[in-house]
């Protein structure tokens, strides 16, 4: 639901249901010293990526659950054409592919409380 609906289809309002309002985003590679605070920050991030890559599609490659810490590990890949600026970089007009692993921690309401992204 998170990758298919929110990231690939742009149904960003689903974040209101599946993500905690005080969600913390940890981008371990690109922004290791910064923590994205709140669902609103994630919403802005998804919208920025969808604007830069309007045909963005995420594919889930593997999923593993850990009862310890109520965590899900997701191996994913993504592909899209860079038609808009992103992270102060101009559009390349080229197809970009990237992949990574995310560790999603869930709260007692089964909402995503924190994300740790490795790509």
C-alpha atoms as a PDB file:
ATOM      1  CA  UNK A   1       0.000   0.000   0.000  1.00  0.00           C
ATOM      2  CA  UNK A   2       2.734   2.495   0.949  1.00  0.00           C
ATOM      3  CA  UNK A   3       4.947   2.003  -2.105  1.00  0.00           C
ATOM      4  CA  UNK A   4       2.237   1.154  -4.633  1.00  0.00           C
ATOM      5  CA  UNK A   5      -0.420   3.671  -3.599  1.00  0.00           C
ATOM      6  CA  UNK A   6       1.560   6.577  -2.149  1.00  0.00           C
ATOM      7  CA  UNK A   7       4.826   6.550  -4.087  1.00  0.00           C
ATOM      8  CA  UNK A   8       3.813   4.972  -7.419  1.00  0.00           C
ATOM      9  CA  UNK A   9       0.215   6.173  -7.789  1.00  0.00           C
ATOM     10  CA  UNK A  10       0.532   9.492  -5.940  1.00  0.00           C
ATOM     11  CA  UNK A  11      -2.353   8.773  -3.553  1.00  0.00           C
ATOM     12  CA  UNK A  12      -0.659  10.867  -0.890  1.00  0.00           C
ATOM     13  CA  UNK A  13      -3.763  11.257   1.285  1.00  0.00           C
ATOM     14  CA  UNK A  14      -3.333   7.577   2.243  1.00  0.00           C
ATOM     15  CA  UNK A  15      -0.468   8.807   4.420  1.00  0.00           C
ATOM     16  CA  UNK A  16      -3.129  10.170   6.803  1.00  0.00           C
ATOM     17  CA  UNK A  17      -4.195   6.595   7.515  1.00  0.00           C
ATOM     18  CA  UNK A  18      -1.014   4.553   7.294  1.00  0.00           C
ATOM     19  CA  UNK A  19       1.563   6.958   8.759  1.00  0.00           C
ATOM     20  CA  UNK A  20       1.777   8.413  12.268  1.00  0.00           C
ATOM     21  CA  UNK A  21       1.473  12.181  12.470  1.00  0.00           C
ATOM     22  CA  UNK A  22       4.797  12.351  14.344  1.00  0.00           C
ATOM     23  CA  UNK A  23       6.547  10.012  11.857  1.00  0.00           C
ATOM     24  CA  UNK A  24      10.343  10.294  11.721  1.00  0.00           C
ATOM     25  CA  UNK A  25      12.151   9.829   8.389  1.00  0.00           C
ATOM     26  CA  UNK A  26      15.819   8.803   8.494  1.00  0.00           C
ATOM     27  CA  UNK A  27      17.612   8.969   5.142  1.00  0.00           C
ATOM     28  CA  UNK A  28      20.740   7.106   6.197  1.00  0.00           C
ATOM     29  CA  UNK A  29      22.683   7.729   2.968  1.00  0.00           C
ATOM     30  CA  UNK A  30      21.683  11.118   1.516  1.00  0.00           C
ATOM     31  CA  UNK A  31      20.918  13.020   4.720  1.00  0.00           C
ATOM     32  CA  UNK A  32      22.343  11.054   7.662  1.00  0.00           C
ATOM     33  CA  UNK A  33      22.441  14.007  10.077  1.00  0.00           C
ATOM     34  CA  UNK A  34      18.866  15.154   9.376  1.00  0.00           C
ATOM     35  CA  UNK A  35      15.616  13.589  10.590  1.00  0.00           C
ATOM     36  CA  UNK A  36      12.442  14.401   8.689  1.00  0.00           C
ATOM     37  CA  UNK A  37       9.878  15.204  11.341  1.00  0.00           C
ATOM     38  CA  UNK A  38       6.219  14.513  10.840  1.00  0.00           C
ATOM     39  CA  UNK A  39       3.801  13.130   8.304  1.00  0.00           C
ATOM     40  CA  UNK A  40       3.613  16.564   6.645  1.00  0.00           C
ATOM     41  CA  UNK A  41       7.347  16.419   5.881  1.00  0.00           C
ATOM     42  CA  UNK A  42       6.910  13.007   4.245  1.00  0.00           C
ATOM     43  CA  UNK A  43       3.990  14.359   2.227  1.00  0.00           C
ATOM     44  CA  UNK A  44       6.163  17.204   0.929  1.00  0.00           C
ATOM     45  CA  UNK A  45       8.924  14.738   0.069  1.00  0.00           C
ATOM     46  CA  UNK A  46       6.622  12.409  -1.869  1.00  0.00           C
ATOM     47  CA  UNK A  47       5.112  15.355  -3.761  1.00  0.00           C
ATOM     48  CA  UNK A  48       8.594  16.678  -4.618  1.00  0.00           C
ATOM     49  CA  UNK A  49       9.700  13.300  -5.995  1.00  0.00           C
ATOM     50  CA  UNK A  50       6.454  12.801  -7.903  1.00  0.00           C
ATOM     51  CA  UNK A  51       6.874  16.274  -9.450  1.00  0.00           C
ATOM     52  CA  UNK A  52      10.467  15.518 -10.465  1.00  0.00           C
ATOM     53  CA  UNK A  53       9.628  11.984 -11.670  1.00  0.00           C
ATOM     54  CA  UNK A  54       5.978  12.053 -12.826  1.00  0.00           C
ATOM     55  CA  UNK A  55       6.125   8.438 -14.042  1.00  0.00           C
ATOM     56  CA  UNK A  56       7.809   7.170 -10.849  1.00  0.00           C
ATOM     57  CA  UNK A  57       7.083   3.516 -10.096  1.00  0.00           C
ATOM     58  CA  UNK A  58       8.268   1.617  -7.032  1.00  0.00           C
ATOM     59  CA  UNK A  59       8.455  -2.185  -7.084  1.00  0.00           C
ATOM     60  CA  UNK A  60       8.677  -4.185  -3.884  1.00  0.00           C
ATOM     61  CA  UNK A  61      11.271  -6.916  -4.326  1.00  0.00           C
ATOM     62  CA  UNK A  62      11.216  -8.579  -0.902  1.00  0.00           C
ATOM     63  CA  UNK A  63       9.647  -8.105   2.521  1.00  0.00           C
ATOM     64  CA  UNK A  64      10.674  -9.436   5.935  1.00  0.00           C
ATOM     65  CA  UNK A  65       8.993  -8.919   9.304  1.00  0.00           C
ATOM     66  CA  UNK A  66      10.687  -8.707  12.670  1.00  0.00           C
ATOM     67  CA  UNK A  67       8.510  -9.050  15.762  1.00  0.00           C
ATOM     68  CA  UNK A  68      11.260  -7.351  17.719  1.00  0.00           C
ATOM     69  CA  UNK A  69      10.499  -3.661  17.454  1.00  0.00           C
ATOM     70  CA  UNK A  70       7.410  -4.314  15.289  1.00  0.00           C
ATOM     71  CA  UNK A  71       9.454  -3.694  12.132  1.00  0.00           C
ATOM     72  CA  UNK A  72       9.146  -4.528   8.454  1.00  0.00           C
ATOM     73  CA  UNK A  73      12.137  -4.554   6.106  1.00  0.00           C
ATOM     74  CA  UNK A  74      11.328  -3.783   2.471  1.00  0.00           C
ATOM     75  CA  UNK A  75      13.742  -4.232  -0.441  1.00  0.00           C
ATOM     76  CA  UNK A  76      12.512  -2.033  -3.276  1.00  0.00           C
ATOM     77  CA  UNK A  77      13.479  -0.623  -6.644  1.00  0.00           C
ATOM     78  CA  UNK A  78      12.220   2.504  -8.372  1.00  0.00           C
ATOM     79  CA  UNK A  79      12.269   3.874 -11.890  1.00  0.00           C
ATOM     80  CA  UNK A  80      11.172   7.184 -13.382  1.00  0.00           C
ATOM     81  CA  UNK A  81      11.987   9.894 -15.890  1.00  0.00           C
ATOM     82  CA  UNK A  82      13.555  12.982 -14.291  1.00  0.00           C
ATOM     83  CA  UNK A  83      11.480  15.805 -15.790  1.00  0.00           C
ATOM     84  CA  UNK A  84      11.685  18.310 -12.928  1.00  0.00           C
ATOM     85  CA  UNK A  85      14.210  19.652 -10.425  1.00  0.00           C
ATOM     86  CA  UNK A  86      14.957  17.668  -7.277  1.00  0.00           C
ATOM     87  CA  UNK A  87      17.382  18.419  -4.404  1.00  0.00           C
ATOM     88  CA  UNK A  88      18.622  21.588  -6.119  1.00  0.00           C
ATOM     89  CA  UNK A  89      19.481  19.624  -9.275  1.00  0.00           C
ATOM     90  CA  UNK A  90      18.018  20.484 -12.690  1.00  0.00           C
ATOM     91  CA  UNK A  91      16.068  17.821 -14.590  1.00  0.00           C
ATOM     92  CA  UNK A  92      18.116  15.419 -16.692  1.00  0.00           C
ATOM     93  CA  UNK A  93      15.225  14.236 -18.892  1.00  0.00           C
ATOM     94  CA  UNK A  94      16.657  10.733 -18.502  1.00  0.00           C
ATOM     95  CA  UNK A  95      15.229   7.579 -17.013  1.00  0.00           C
ATOM     96  CA  UNK A  96      16.662   6.954 -13.565  1.00  0.00           C
ATOM     97  CA  UNK A  97      16.648   3.671 -11.673  1.00  0.00           C
ATOM     98  CA  UNK A  98      17.557   3.233  -8.040  1.00  0.00           C
ATOM     99  CA  UNK A  99      17.034   0.682  -5.314  1.00  0.00           C
ATOM    100  CA  UNK A 100      17.232   0.379  -1.589  1.00  0.00           C
ATOM    101  CA  UNK A 101      16.035  -1.179   1.620  1.00  0.00           C
ATOM    102  CA  UNK A 102      13.743   0.512   4.102  1.00  0.00           C
ATOM    103  CA  UNK A 103      13.157  -0.438   7.717  1.00  0.00           C
ATOM    104  CA  UNK A 104       9.646   0.609   8.708  1.00  0.00           C
ATOM    105  CA  UNK A 105       8.772   0.725  12.415  1.00  0.00           C
ATOM    106  CA  UNK A 106       5.101   0.566  13.397  1.00  0.00           C
ATOM    107  CA  UNK A 107       3.301   2.000  16.428  1.00  0.00           C
ATOM    108  CA  UNK A 108       0.483   0.386  18.446  1.00  0.00           C
ATOM    109  CA  UNK A 109      -2.062   1.699  15.886  1.00  0.00           C
ATOM    110  CA  UNK A 110      -0.173  -0.156  13.115  1.00  0.00           C
ATOM    111  CA  UNK A 111       0.873   3.124  11.505  1.00  0.00           C
ATOM    112  CA  UNK A 112       4.386   3.733  10.202  1.00  0.00           C
ATOM    113  CA  UNK A 113       6.054   5.581  13.082  1.00  0.00           C
ATOM    114  CA  UNK A 114       9.589   5.754  11.653  1.00  0.00           C
ATOM    115  CA  UNK A 115      11.385   4.968   8.394  1.00  0.00           C
ATOM    116  CA  UNK A 116      15.055   4.248   7.874  1.00  0.00           C
ATOM    117  CA  UNK A 117      15.995   4.352   4.192  1.00  0.00           C
ATOM    118  CA  UNK A 118      19.217   2.823   2.827  1.00  0.00           C
ATOM    119  CA  UNK A 119      19.904   3.261  -0.914  1.00  0.00           C
END
